[in-house]
Amino acid sequence: MKTDRLFQLLFLLLQKENLTAPQLAKQLEVSVRTVYRDVETLSGAGVPVYAQAGKNGGISLLEGYAVSKALFSDKEQNQLLFALQSLRVTERPMDALLSKLGGLFHKRDADWIAIDFSRWGFSRLDGDRFAQLRDAILEKQVIRIEYYNVAGEFTTRDIKPFRLVFKSRGWYVQAFCMMADDYRLFKVSRIRALTCTGESFTDVFPDQPPVEPFPIDTQRTVEVSLLFTTMVAYRVFDEYDPMCIQKQDDGLLRVTLHLPAPLEFASYLLTFGTDVTVLYPRELRDALSQMAEKIAAHHRT
């Protein structure tokens, strides 16, 4: 909507003292001509915005300008602050804008939430990685990634990234892979290195849902039944759909689910130690027992 874009334009100008029309066009995903029309609209509404030509020119707000909080309801103020706090993890300059808006809205507790996309112990690395991916997506830049797939195989490939996706407790980048000549989903934590090739692209990607990294044939699944002790109840409720969990009379938790390749599930179940029992299938129970015996034998030598 145009009104939303005008507010976005205004906040970009509040955040930075001077921006060129092409920079604004890229961030707003519109043409330069549209940016100038929006500037005229803001100016006509009484916002002191002006454009200056020349080498150091650009679009700016009159120094000292402040947005009237009357433009927003109390609920809208909270929603705006929440949205900006969510973005702050990968957009460091948001701190200044949050401070300004928090003061404008007289909300001393504006910083009530902390959202961190990084893994424990990888805060700096993950923060830089997300910033690189964000810039490549917004600026439509081809990036080269060094990537390990689920089998541990290493490849180097060029991709056209267009969306970051959080799915099943992990971050993925949805992209068009130039090596596969198709859409792919790459897990961010498996990207060993990322560099910008300097090549840009103009592709318009379809508004499609994230592709599955491992297509599953739902017609060929095996029912798996597990029994967990209360010692790992916190993990069970974190990692399984509540609809799959059944509390037994003795307090144990029974989990029933369908898997396309249950034997590959054994290494994951080892992380529960003796707090899980495989009820069926027998093949999974045997695979888990054999893996445990091999681990025990390995550490006895």
C-alpha atoms as a PDB file:
ATOM      1  CA  MET A   1       0.000   0.000   0.000  1.00  0.00           C
ATOM      2  CA  LYS A   2       1.185   3.508  -0.781  1.00  0.00           C
ATOM      3  CA  THR A   3       0.555   4.754   2.782  1.00  0.00           C
ATOM      4  CA  ASP A   4       2.776   2.007   4.209  1.00  0.00           C
ATOM      5  CA  ARG A   5       5.488   2.869   1.699  1.00  0.00           C
ATOM      6  CA  LEU A   6       5.336   6.545   2.620  1.00  0.00           C
ATOM      7  CA  PHE A   7       5.848   5.693   6.293  1.00  0.00           C
ATOM      8  CA  GLN A   8       8.701   3.386   5.352  1.00  0.00           C
ATOM      9  CA  LEU A   9      10.290   6.170   3.309  1.00  0.00           C
ATOM     10  CA  LEU A  10       9.891   8.578   6.202  1.00  0.00           C
ATOM     11  CA  PHE A  11      11.532   6.193   8.679  1.00  0.00           C
ATOM     12  CA  LEU A  12      14.433   5.536   6.317  1.00  0.00           C
ATOM     13  CA  LEU A  13      15.048   9.271   6.140  1.00  0.00           C
ATOM     14  CA  LEU A  14      14.754   9.561   9.929  1.00  0.00           C
ATOM     15  CA  GLN A  15      17.323   6.804  10.303  1.00  0.00           C
ATOM     16  CA  LYS A  16      19.890   8.255   7.886  1.00  0.00           C
ATOM     17  CA  GLU A  17      20.635  11.915   7.251  1.00  0.00           C
ATOM     18  CA  ASN A  18      20.882  11.649   3.477  1.00  0.00           C
ATOM     19  CA  LEU A  19      19.932   8.991   0.932  1.00  0.00           C
ATOM     20  CA  THR A  20      19.984   9.064  -2.837  1.00  0.00           C
ATOM     21  CA  ALA A  21      16.879   8.262  -4.872  1.00  0.00           C
ATOM     22  CA  PRO A  22      18.438   5.017  -6.256  1.00  0.00           C
ATOM     23  CA  GLN A  23      19.281   3.879  -2.704  1.00  0.00           C
ATOM     24  CA  LEU A  24      15.710   4.517  -1.578  1.00  0.00           C
ATOM     25  CA  ALA A  25      14.316   2.854  -4.694  1.00  0.00           C
ATOM     26  CA  LYS A  26      16.338  -0.283  -3.965  1.00  0.00           C
ATOM     27  CA  GLN A  27      15.224  -0.489  -0.336  1.00  0.00           C
ATOM     28  CA  LEU A  28      11.582   0.249  -1.127  1.00  0.00           C
ATOM     29  CA  GLU A  29      11.653  -1.998  -4.212  1.00  0.00           C
ATOM     30  CA  VAL A  30      10.146   0.678  -6.457  1.00  0.00           C
ATOM     31  CA  SER A  31      11.385   2.834  -9.328  1.00  0.00           C
ATOM     32  CA  VAL A  32      13.349   6.053  -8.854  1.00  0.00           C
ATOM     33  CA  ARG A  33      10.415   7.921 -10.408  1.00  0.00           C
ATOM     34  CA  THR A  34       8.101   6.509  -7.709  1.00  0.00           C
ATOM     35  CA  VAL A  35      10.520   7.686  -5.018  1.00  0.00           C
ATOM     36  CA  TYR A  36      10.368  11.252  -6.327  1.00  0.00           C
ATOM     37  CA  ARG A  37       6.554  11.081  -6.466  1.00  0.00           C
ATOM     38  CA  ASP A  38       6.479   9.879  -2.858  1.00  0.00           C
ATOM     39  CA  VAL A  39       8.797  12.708  -1.838  1.00  0.00           C
ATOM     40  CA  GLU A  40       6.375  15.173  -3.437  1.00  0.00           C
ATOM     41  CA  THR A  41       3.470  13.528  -1.585  1.00  0.00           C
ATOM     42  CA  LEU A  42       5.266  13.831   1.769  1.00  0.00           C
ATOM     43  CA  SER A  43       6.181  17.419   1.046  1.00  0.00           C
ATOM     44  CA  GLY A  44       2.556  18.211   0.175  1.00  0.00           C
ATOM     45  CA  ALA A  45       1.500  16.687   3.499  1.00  0.00           C
ATOM     46  CA  GLY A  46       3.749  19.117   5.378  1.00  0.00           C
ATOM     47  CA  VAL A  47       6.781  16.905   5.934  1.00  0.00           C
ATOM     48  CA  PRO A  48       9.942  19.017   5.391  1.00  0.00           C
ATOM     49  CA  VAL A  49      11.638  16.674   2.927  1.00  0.00           C
ATOM     50  CA  TYR A  50      13.785  17.984   0.112  1.00  0.00           C
ATOM     51  CA  ALA A  51      15.992  16.722  -2.702  1.00  0.00           C
ATOM     52  CA  GLN A  52      19.388  18.222  -3.483  1.00  0.00           C
ATOM     53  CA  ALA A  53      21.168  17.674  -6.800  1.00  0.00           C
ATOM     54  CA  GLY A  54      24.910  17.322  -7.242  1.00  0.00           C
ATOM     55  CA  LYS A  55      27.718  14.978  -6.266  1.00  0.00           C
ATOM     56  CA  ASN A  56      26.873  14.996  -2.551  1.00  0.00           C
ATOM     57  CA  GLY A  57      23.169  15.474  -3.101  1.00  0.00           C
ATOM     58  CA  GLY A  58      20.319  13.260  -2.059  1.00  0.00           C
ATOM     59  CA  ILE A  59      17.009  13.261  -0.260  1.00  0.00           C
ATOM     60  CA  SER A  60      16.887  14.519   3.325  1.00  0.00           C
ATOM     61  CA  LEU A  61      14.612  15.753   6.062  1.00  0.00           C
ATOM     62  CA  LEU A  62      14.976  19.217   7.545  1.00  0.00           C
ATOM     63  CA  GLU A  63      17.293  18.970  10.550  1.00  0.00           C
ATOM     64  CA  GLY A  64      15.403  18.695  13.797  1.00  0.00           C
ATOM     65  CA  TYR A  65      12.227  17.289  12.235  1.00  0.00           C
ATOM     66  CA  ALA A  66      10.276  14.881  14.449  1.00  0.00           C
ATOM     67  CA  VAL A  67       7.368  12.624  13.592  1.00  0.00           C
ATOM     68  CA  SER A  68       4.166  13.376  15.453  1.00  0.00           C
ATOM     69  CA  LYS A  69       3.109  10.459  17.626  1.00  0.00           C
ATOM     70  CA  ALA A  70      -0.472  11.423  16.869  1.00  0.00           C
ATOM     71  CA  LEU A  71       0.006   9.586  13.563  1.00  0.00           C
ATOM     72  CA  PHE A  72      -0.151   6.264  15.425  1.00  0.00           C
ATOM     73  CA  SER A  73      -2.524   4.635  17.908  1.00  0.00           C
ATOM     74  CA  ASP A  74      -0.989   3.128  21.063  1.00  0.00           C
ATOM     75  CA  LYS A  75      -1.367  -0.359  19.573  1.00  0.00           C
ATOM     76  CA  GLU A  76       0.334   0.731  16.343  1.00  0.00           C
ATOM     77  CA  GLN A  77       3.200   2.264  18.338  1.00  0.00           C
ATOM     78  CA  ASN A  78       3.782  -1.063  20.109  1.00  0.00           C
ATOM     79  CA  GLN A  79       3.571  -2.998  16.849  1.00  0.00           C
ATOM     80  CA  LEU A  80       6.065  -0.659  15.186  1.00  0.00           C
ATOM     81  CA  LEU A  81       8.555  -0.924  18.051  1.00  0.00           C
ATOM     82  CA  PHE A  82       8.212  -4.720  18.114  1.00  0.00           C
ATOM     83  CA  ALA A  83       8.844  -4.970  14.367  1.00  0.00           C
ATOM     84  CA  LEU A  84      11.956  -2.784  14.603  1.00  0.00           C
ATOM     85  CA  GLN A  85      13.278  -4.777  17.570  1.00  0.00           C
ATOM     86  CA  SER A  86      12.890  -7.965  15.518  1.00  0.00           C
ATOM     87  CA  LEU A  87      14.939  -6.424  12.696  1.00  0.00           C
ATOM     88  CA  ARG A  88      17.631  -5.051  14.988  1.00  0.00           C
ATOM     89  CA  VAL A  89      19.590  -8.311  15.107  1.00  0.00           C
ATOM     90  CA  THR A  90      20.651  -8.033  11.466  1.00  0.00           C
ATOM     91  CA  GLU A  91      20.280  -4.277  11.044  1.00  0.00           C
ATOM     92  CA  ARG A  92      22.504  -2.645  13.659  1.00  0.00           C
ATOM     93  CA  PRO A  93      21.562   0.988  12.818  1.00  0.00           C
ATOM     94  CA  MET A  94      18.048   0.177  14.055  1.00  0.00           C
ATOM     95  CA  ASP A  95      19.225   1.012  17.583  1.00  0.00           C
ATOM     96  CA  ALA A  96      19.231   4.753  16.820  1.00  0.00           C
ATOM     97  CA  LEU A  97      15.781   4.630  15.236  1.00  0.00           C
ATOM     98  CA  LEU A  98      14.400   2.565  18.124  1.00  0.00           C
ATOM     99  CA  SER A  99      15.768   5.087  20.594  1.00  0.00           C
ATOM    100  CA  LYS A 100      14.160   7.969  18.709  1.00  0.00           C
ATOM    101  CA  LEU A 101      10.780   6.297  18.415  1.00  0.00           C
ATOM    102  CA  GLY A 102      10.849   5.047  22.003  1.00  0.00           C
ATOM    103  CA  GLY A 103      11.398   8.634  23.163  1.00  0.00           C
ATOM    104  CA  LEU A 104       8.774   9.975  20.793  1.00  0.00           C
ATOM    105  CA  PHE A 105       6.155   7.504  22.024  1.00  0.00           C
ATOM    106  CA  HIS A 106       7.228   7.987  25.692  1.00  0.00           C
ATOM    107  CA  LYS A 107       7.696   4.245  26.111  1.00  0.00           C
ATOM    108  CA  ARG A 108      10.495   3.723  28.589  1.00  0.00           C
ATOM    109  CA  ASP A 109      10.117  -0.066  28.363  1.00  0.00           C
ATOM    110  CA  ALA A 110      10.364  -0.118  24.567  1.00  0.00           C
ATOM    111  CA  ASP A 111      13.283  -2.553  24.692  1.00  0.00           C
ATOM    112  CA  TRP A 112      11.190  -5.362  26.222  1.00  0.00           C
ATOM    113  CA  ILE A 113      12.227  -8.139  23.853  1.00  0.00           C
ATOM    114  CA  ALA A 114      15.530  -9.516  22.577  1.00  0.00           C
ATOM    115  CA  ILE A 115      15.550 -11.616  19.420  1.00  0.00           C
ATOM    116  CA  ASP A 116      18.823 -13.256  18.493  1.00  0.00           C
ATOM    117  CA  PHE A 117      19.087 -15.427  15.384  1.00  0.00           C
ATOM    118  CA  SER A 118      22.586 -16.649  16.209  1.00  0.00           C
ATOM    119  CA  ARG A 119      23.630 -19.979  17.698  1.00  0.00           C
ATOM    120  CA  TRP A 120      25.246 -20.195  21.122  1.00  0.00           C
ATOM    121  CA  GLY A 121      28.933 -19.382  20.756  1.00  0.00           C
ATOM    122  CA  PHE A 122      28.526 -18.160  17.157  1.00  0.00           C
ATOM    123  CA  SER A 123      26.958 -14.748  17.739  1.00  0.00           C
ATOM    124  CA  ARG A 124      29.470 -12.719  15.734  1.00  0.00           C
ATOM    125  CA  LEU A 125      29.818 -15.232  12.885  1.00  0.00           C
ATOM    126  CA  ASP A 126      26.062 -15.713  12.489  1.00  0.00           C
ATOM    127  CA  GLY A 127      25.370 -11.987  12.762  1.00  0.00           C
ATOM    128  CA  ASP A 128      27.823 -11.274   9.930  1.00  0.00           C
ATOM    129  CA  ARG A 129      26.412 -14.145   7.863  1.00  0.00           C
ATOM    130  CA  PHE A 130      22.836 -12.874   8.180  1.00  0.00           C
ATOM    131  CA  ALA A 131      23.942  -9.356   7.281  1.00  0.00           C
ATOM    132  CA  GLN A 132      25.682 -10.666   4.131  1.00  0.00           C
ATOM    133  CA  LEU A 133      22.631 -12.680   3.111  1.00  0.00           C
ATOM    134  CA  ARG A 134      20.278  -9.764   3.803  1.00  0.00           C
ATOM    135  CA  ASP A 135      22.344  -7.414   1.652  1.00  0.00           C
ATOM    136  CA  ALA A 136      22.601  -9.958  -1.177  1.00  0.00           C
ATOM    137  CA  ILE A 137      18.831 -10.489  -1.156  1.00  0.00           C
ATOM    138  CA  LEU A 138      17.935  -6.801  -1.041  1.00  0.00           C
ATOM    139  CA  GLU A 139      20.558  -5.782  -3.585  1.00  0.00           C
ATOM    140  CA  LYS A 140      19.942  -8.814  -5.859  1.00  0.00           C
ATOM    141  CA  GLN A 141      23.549  -9.956  -5.826  1.00  0.00           C
ATOM    142  CA  VAL A 142      24.770 -13.400  -6.886  1.00  0.00           C
ATOM    143  CA  ILE A 143      26.717 -15.003  -4.055  1.00  0.00           C
ATOM    144  CA  ARG A 144      29.159 -17.910  -4.027  1.00  0.00           C
ATOM    145  CA  ILE A 145      28.795 -20.338  -1.152  1.00  0.00           C
ATOM    146  CA  GLU A 146      30.972 -23.177   0.073  1.00  0.00           C
ATOM    147  CA  TYR A 147      28.392 -25.639   1.311  1.00  0.00           C
ATOM    148  CA  TYR A 148      28.169 -29.007   3.060  1.00  0.00           C
ATOM    149  CA  ASN A 149      25.033 -31.049   2.407  1.00  0.00           C
ATOM    150  CA  VAL A 150      23.426 -33.429   4.888  1.00  0.00           C
ATOM    151  CA  ALA A 151      25.759 -36.242   3.739  1.00  0.00           C
ATOM    152  CA  GLY A 152      28.829 -34.110   4.448  1.00  0.00           C
ATOM    153  CA  GLU A 153      29.606 -33.622   0.754  1.00  0.00           C
ATOM    154  CA  PHE A 154      31.277 -30.302  -0.047  1.00  0.00           C
ATOM    155  CA  THR A 155      30.386 -28.164  -3.055  1.00  0.00           C
ATOM    156  CA  THR A 156      30.984 -24.616  -4.239  1.00  0.00           C
ATOM    157  CA  ARG A 157      28.097 -23.035  -6.080  1.00  0.00           C
ATOM    158  CA  ASP A 158      26.723 -19.680  -7.185  1.00  0.00           C
ATOM    159  CA  ILE A 159      23.189 -18.852  -6.088  1.00  0.00           C
ATOM    160  CA  LYS A 160      20.633 -16.075  -6.511  1.00  0.00           C
ATOM    161  CA  PRO A 161      19.194 -15.635  -2.996  1.00  0.00           C
ATOM    162  CA  PHE A 162      15.724 -14.215  -2.568  1.00  0.00           C
ATOM    163  CA  ARG A 163      14.393 -15.203   0.847  1.00  0.00           C
ATOM    164  CA  LEU A 164      15.511 -16.192   4.354  1.00  0.00           C
ATOM    165  CA  VAL A 165      13.347 -18.901   5.890  1.00  0.00           C
ATOM    166  CA  PHE A 166      13.143 -20.154   9.479  1.00  0.00           C
ATOM    167  CA  LYS A 167      11.890 -23.742   9.493  1.00  0.00           C
ATOM    168  CA  SER A 168      12.073 -26.630  11.942  1.00  0.00           C
ATOM    169  CA  ARG A 169      14.451 -24.862  14.351  1.00  0.00           C
ATOM    170  CA  GLY A 170      16.870 -23.872  11.577  1.00  0.00           C
ATOM    171  CA  TRP A 171      17.556 -20.978   9.216  1.00  0.00           C
ATOM    172  CA  TYR A 172      17.621 -21.555   5.453  1.00  0.00           C
ATOM    173  CA  VAL A 173      18.254 -19.324   2.460  1.00  0.00           C
ATOM    174  CA  GLN A 174      15.890 -19.924  -0.435  1.00  0.00           C
ATOM    175  CA  ALA A 175      17.663 -19.369  -3.726  1.00  0.00           C
ATOM    176  CA  PHE A 176      17.962 -20.261  -7.371  1.00  0.00           C
ATOM    177  CA  CYS A 177      21.002 -22.506  -7.665  1.00  0.00           C
ATOM    178  CA  MET A 178      22.843 -21.842 -10.912  1.00  0.00           C
ATOM    179  CA  MET A 179      24.635 -25.200 -10.765  1.00  0.00           C
ATOM    180  CA  ALA A 180      21.419 -27.208 -10.358  1.00  0.00           C
ATOM    181  CA  ASP A 181      19.445 -24.795 -12.571  1.00  0.00           C
ATOM    182  CA  ASP A 182      16.598 -25.030 -10.066  1.00  0.00           C
ATOM    183  CA  TYR A 183      15.323 -23.691  -6.742  1.00  0.00           C
ATOM    184  CA  ARG A 184      17.050 -24.951  -3.626  1.00  0.00           C
ATOM    185  CA  LEU A 185      16.930 -24.476   0.136  1.00  0.00           C
ATOM    186  CA  PHE A 186      20.351 -24.148   1.827  1.00  0.00           C
ATOM    187  CA  LYS A 187      20.777 -24.433   5.568  1.00  0.00           C
ATOM    188  CA  VAL A 188      22.639 -21.333   6.780  1.00  0.00           C
ATOM    189  CA  SER A 189      24.653 -23.210   9.418  1.00  0.00           C
ATOM    190  CA  ARG A 190      26.109 -25.466   6.690  1.00  0.00           C
ATOM    191  CA  ILE A 191      27.480 -22.539   4.670  1.00  0.00           C
ATOM    192  CA  ARG A 192      31.214 -22.613   5.417  1.00  0.00           C
ATOM    193  CA  ALA A 193      32.038 -19.443   3.482  1.00  0.00           C
ATOM    194  CA  LEU A 194      30.100 -16.822   1.570  1.00  0.00           C
ATOM    195  CA  THR A 195      31.380 -14.224  -0.896  1.00  0.00           C
ATOM    196  CA  CYS A 196      29.720 -11.757  -3.238  1.00  0.00           C
ATOM    197  CA  THR A 197      30.616 -12.395  -6.893  1.00  0.00           C
ATOM    198  CA  GLY A 198      29.923  -8.802  -7.917  1.00  0.00           C
ATOM    199  CA  GLU A 199      27.332 -10.054 -10.384  1.00  0.00           C
ATOM    200  CA  SER A 200      23.779  -8.757 -10.029  1.00  0.00           C
ATOM    201  CA  PHE A 201      20.551 -10.331 -11.259  1.00  0.00           C
ATOM    202  CA  THR A 202      17.098  -9.057 -12.207  1.00  0.00           C
ATOM    203  CA  ASP A 203      15.084 -12.255 -11.863  1.00  0.00           C
ATOM    204  CA  VAL A 204      11.556 -11.944 -10.522  1.00  0.00           C
ATOM    205  CA  PHE A 205      10.999 -14.994  -8.364  1.00  0.00           C
ATOM    206  CA  PRO A 206       7.604 -16.665  -8.073  1.00  0.00           C
ATOM    207  CA  ASP A 207       5.683 -16.196  -4.847  1.00  0.00           C
ATOM    208  CA  GLN A 208       6.146 -19.812  -3.928  1.00  0.00           C
ATOM    209  CA  PRO A 209       6.374 -21.452  -0.515  1.00  0.00           C
ATOM    210  CA  PRO A 210       9.836 -22.579   0.585  1.00  0.00           C
ATOM    211  CA  VAL A 211      10.900 -25.723  -1.236  1.00  0.00           C
ATOM    212  CA  GLU A 212      11.641 -28.783   0.861  1.00  0.00           C
ATOM    213  CA  PRO A 213      15.369 -29.525   1.195  1.00  0.00           C
ATOM    214  CA  PHE A 214      14.605 -33.257   1.179  1.00  0.00           C
ATOM    215  CA  PRO A 215      11.403 -34.158  -0.718  1.00  0.00           C
ATOM    216  CA  ILE A 216       9.387 -36.681   1.275  1.00  0.00           C
ATOM    217  CA  ASP A 217       7.162 -39.309  -0.278  1.00  0.00           C
ATOM    218  CA  THR A 218       4.278 -39.201   2.179  1.00  0.00           C
ATOM    219  CA  GLN A 219       2.942 -42.479   0.763  1.00  0.00           C
ATOM    220  CA  ARG A 220       6.021 -44.398   1.939  1.00  0.00           C
ATOM    221  CA  THR A 221       6.400 -43.711   5.624  1.00  0.00           C
ATOM    222  CA  VAL A 222       6.851 -46.041   8.559  1.00  0.00           C
ATOM    223  CA  GLU A 223       5.061 -45.615  11.879  1.00  0.00           C
ATOM    224  CA  VAL A 224       7.484 -45.169  14.773  1.00  0.00           C
ATOM    225  CA  SER A 225       6.547 -45.372  18.450  1.00  0.00           C
ATOM    226  CA  LEU A 226       8.846 -44.094  21.205  1.00  0.00           C
ATOM    227  CA  LEU A 227       8.630 -43.979  24.981  1.00  0.00           C
ATOM    228  CA  PHE A 228      10.393 -41.142  26.827  1.00  0.00           C
ATOM    229  CA  THR A 229      11.037 -40.665  30.549  1.00  0.00           C
ATOM    230  CA  THR A 230       9.993 -37.486  32.345  1.00  0.00           C
ATOM    231  CA  MET A 231      13.679 -36.512  32.589  1.00  0.00           C
ATOM    232  CA  VAL A 232      13.570 -35.404  28.934  1.00  0.00           C
ATOM    233  CA  ALA A 233       9.986 -34.125  28.890  1.00  0.00           C
ATOM    234  CA  TYR A 234      11.264 -30.609  28.146  1.00  0.00           C
ATOM    235  CA  ARG A 235      12.866 -31.864  24.930  1.00  0.00           C
ATOM    236  CA  VAL A 236       9.882 -33.954  23.920  1.00  0.00           C
ATOM    237  CA  PHE A 237       7.513 -30.986  24.084  1.00  0.00           C
ATOM    238  CA  ASP A 238      10.089 -28.761  22.367  1.00  0.00           C
ATOM    239  CA  GLU A 239      10.813 -31.115  19.487  1.00  0.00           C
ATOM    240  CA  TYR A 240       7.536 -32.907  18.767  1.00  0.00           C
ATOM    241  CA  ASP A 241       4.052 -31.867  17.792  1.00  0.00           C
ATOM    242  CA  PRO A 242       1.784 -32.064  20.873  1.00  0.00           C
ATOM    243  CA  MET A 243      -0.650 -34.098  18.767  1.00  0.00           C
ATOM    244  CA  CYS A 244       1.991 -36.869  18.595  1.00  0.00           C
ATOM    245  CA  ILE A 245       2.509 -37.010  22.372  1.00  0.00           C
ATOM    246  CA  GLN A 246       0.458 -39.174  24.711  1.00  0.00           C
ATOM    247  CA  LYS A 247       1.037 -39.113  28.456  1.00  0.00           C
ATOM    248  CA  GLN A 248       0.875 -42.586  30.009  1.00  0.00           C
ATOM    249  CA  ASP A 249      -0.579 -43.460  33.410  1.00  0.00           C
ATOM    250  CA  ASP A 250       2.933 -43.942  34.805  1.00  0.00           C
ATOM    251  CA  GLY A 251       3.977 -40.468  33.609  1.00  0.00           C
ATOM    252  CA  LEU A 252       6.042 -41.667  30.642  1.00  0.00           C
ATOM    253  CA  LEU A 253       5.529 -39.903  27.315  1.00  0.00           C
ATOM    254  CA  ARG A 254       4.647 -41.947  24.260  1.00  0.00           C
ATOM    255  CA  VAL A 255       5.384 -40.350  20.898  1.00  0.00           C
ATOM    256  CA  THR A 256       3.972 -41.784  17.673  1.00  0.00           C
ATOM    257  CA  LEU A 257       5.047 -40.375  14.314  1.00  0.00           C
ATOM    258  CA  HIS A 258       5.558 -41.379  10.672  1.00  0.00           C
ATOM    259  CA  LEU A 259       9.020 -41.231   9.096  1.00  0.00           C
ATOM    260  CA  PRO A 260      10.184 -41.885   5.526  1.00  0.00           C
ATOM    261  CA  ALA A 261      13.543 -43.328   6.640  1.00  0.00           C
ATOM    262  CA  PRO A 262      13.309 -44.413  10.287  1.00  0.00           C
ATOM    263  CA  LEU A 263      16.770 -46.029  10.443  1.00  0.00           C
ATOM    264  CA  GLU A 264      18.391 -42.628   9.775  1.00  0.00           C
ATOM    265  CA  PHE A 265      16.608 -41.480  12.957  1.00  0.00           C
ATOM    266  CA  ALA A 266      18.772 -43.705  15.177  1.00  0.00           C
ATOM    267  CA  SER A 267      21.701 -41.287  15.592  1.00  0.00           C
ATOM    268  CA  TYR A 268      19.295 -38.577  16.754  1.00  0.00           C
ATOM    269  CA  LEU A 269      17.710 -40.914  19.309  1.00  0.00           C
ATOM    270  CA  LEU A 270      21.163 -41.631  20.773  1.00  0.00           C
ATOM    271  CA  THR A 271      21.147 -38.073  22.149  1.00  0.00           C
ATOM    272  CA  PHE A 272      18.412 -39.167  24.578  1.00  0.00           C
ATOM    273  CA  GLY A 273      20.586 -41.928  26.048  1.00  0.00           C
ATOM    274  CA  THR A 274      18.605 -44.313  28.251  1.00  0.00           C
ATOM    275  CA  ASP A 275      15.686 -41.888  28.514  1.00  0.00           C
ATOM    276  CA  VAL A 276      14.112 -43.257  25.326  1.00  0.00           C
ATOM    277  CA  THR A 277      12.831 -46.718  24.409  1.00  0.00           C
ATOM    278  CA  VAL A 278      11.953 -47.678  20.861  1.00  0.00           C
ATOM    279  CA  LEU A 279       8.699 -49.638  20.982  1.00  0.00           C
ATOM    280  CA  TYR A 280       8.606 -50.232  17.230  1.00  0.00           C
ATOM    281  CA  PRO A 281       9.674 -50.815  14.526  1.00  0.00           C
ATOM    282  CA  ARG A 282      12.055 -53.557  15.577  1.00  0.00           C
ATOM    283  CA  GLU A 283      14.546 -52.522  12.867  1.00  0.00           C
ATOM    284  CA  LEU A 284      14.992 -49.095  14.454  1.00  0.00           C
ATOM    285  CA  ARG A 285      15.420 -50.636  17.898  1.00  0.00           C
ATOM    286  CA  ASP A 286      18.125 -52.971  16.547  1.00  0.00           C
ATOM    287  CA  ALA A 287      19.882 -50.123  14.677  1.00  0.00           C
ATOM    288  CA  LEU A 288      19.978 -48.018  17.852  1.00  0.00           C
ATOM    289  CA  SER A 289      21.357 -50.961  19.881  1.00  0.00           C
ATOM    290  CA  GLN A 290      24.080 -51.667  17.306  1.00  0.00           C
ATOM    291  CA  MET A 291      25.153 -48.011  17.193  1.00  0.00           C
ATOM    292  CA  ALA A 292      25.353 -47.881  20.998  1.00  0.00           C
ATOM    293  CA  GLU A 293      27.457 -51.070  21.075  1.00  0.00           C
ATOM    294  CA  LYS A 294      29.864 -49.691  18.461  1.00  0.00           C
ATOM    295  CA  ILE A 295      30.261 -46.448  20.435  1.00  0.00           C
ATOM    296  CA  ALA A 296      30.908 -48.410  23.643  1.00  0.00           C
ATOM    297  CA  ALA A 297      33.467 -50.650  21.919  1.00  0.00           C
ATOM    298  CA  HIS A 298      35.179 -47.640  20.346  1.00  0.00           C
ATOM    299  CA  HIS A 299      35.694 -45.962  23.711  1.00  0.00           C
ATOM    300  CA  ARG A 300      36.883 -49.136  25.409  1.00  0.00           C
ATOM    301  CA  THR A 301      39.887 -49.395  23.082  1.00  0.00           C
END
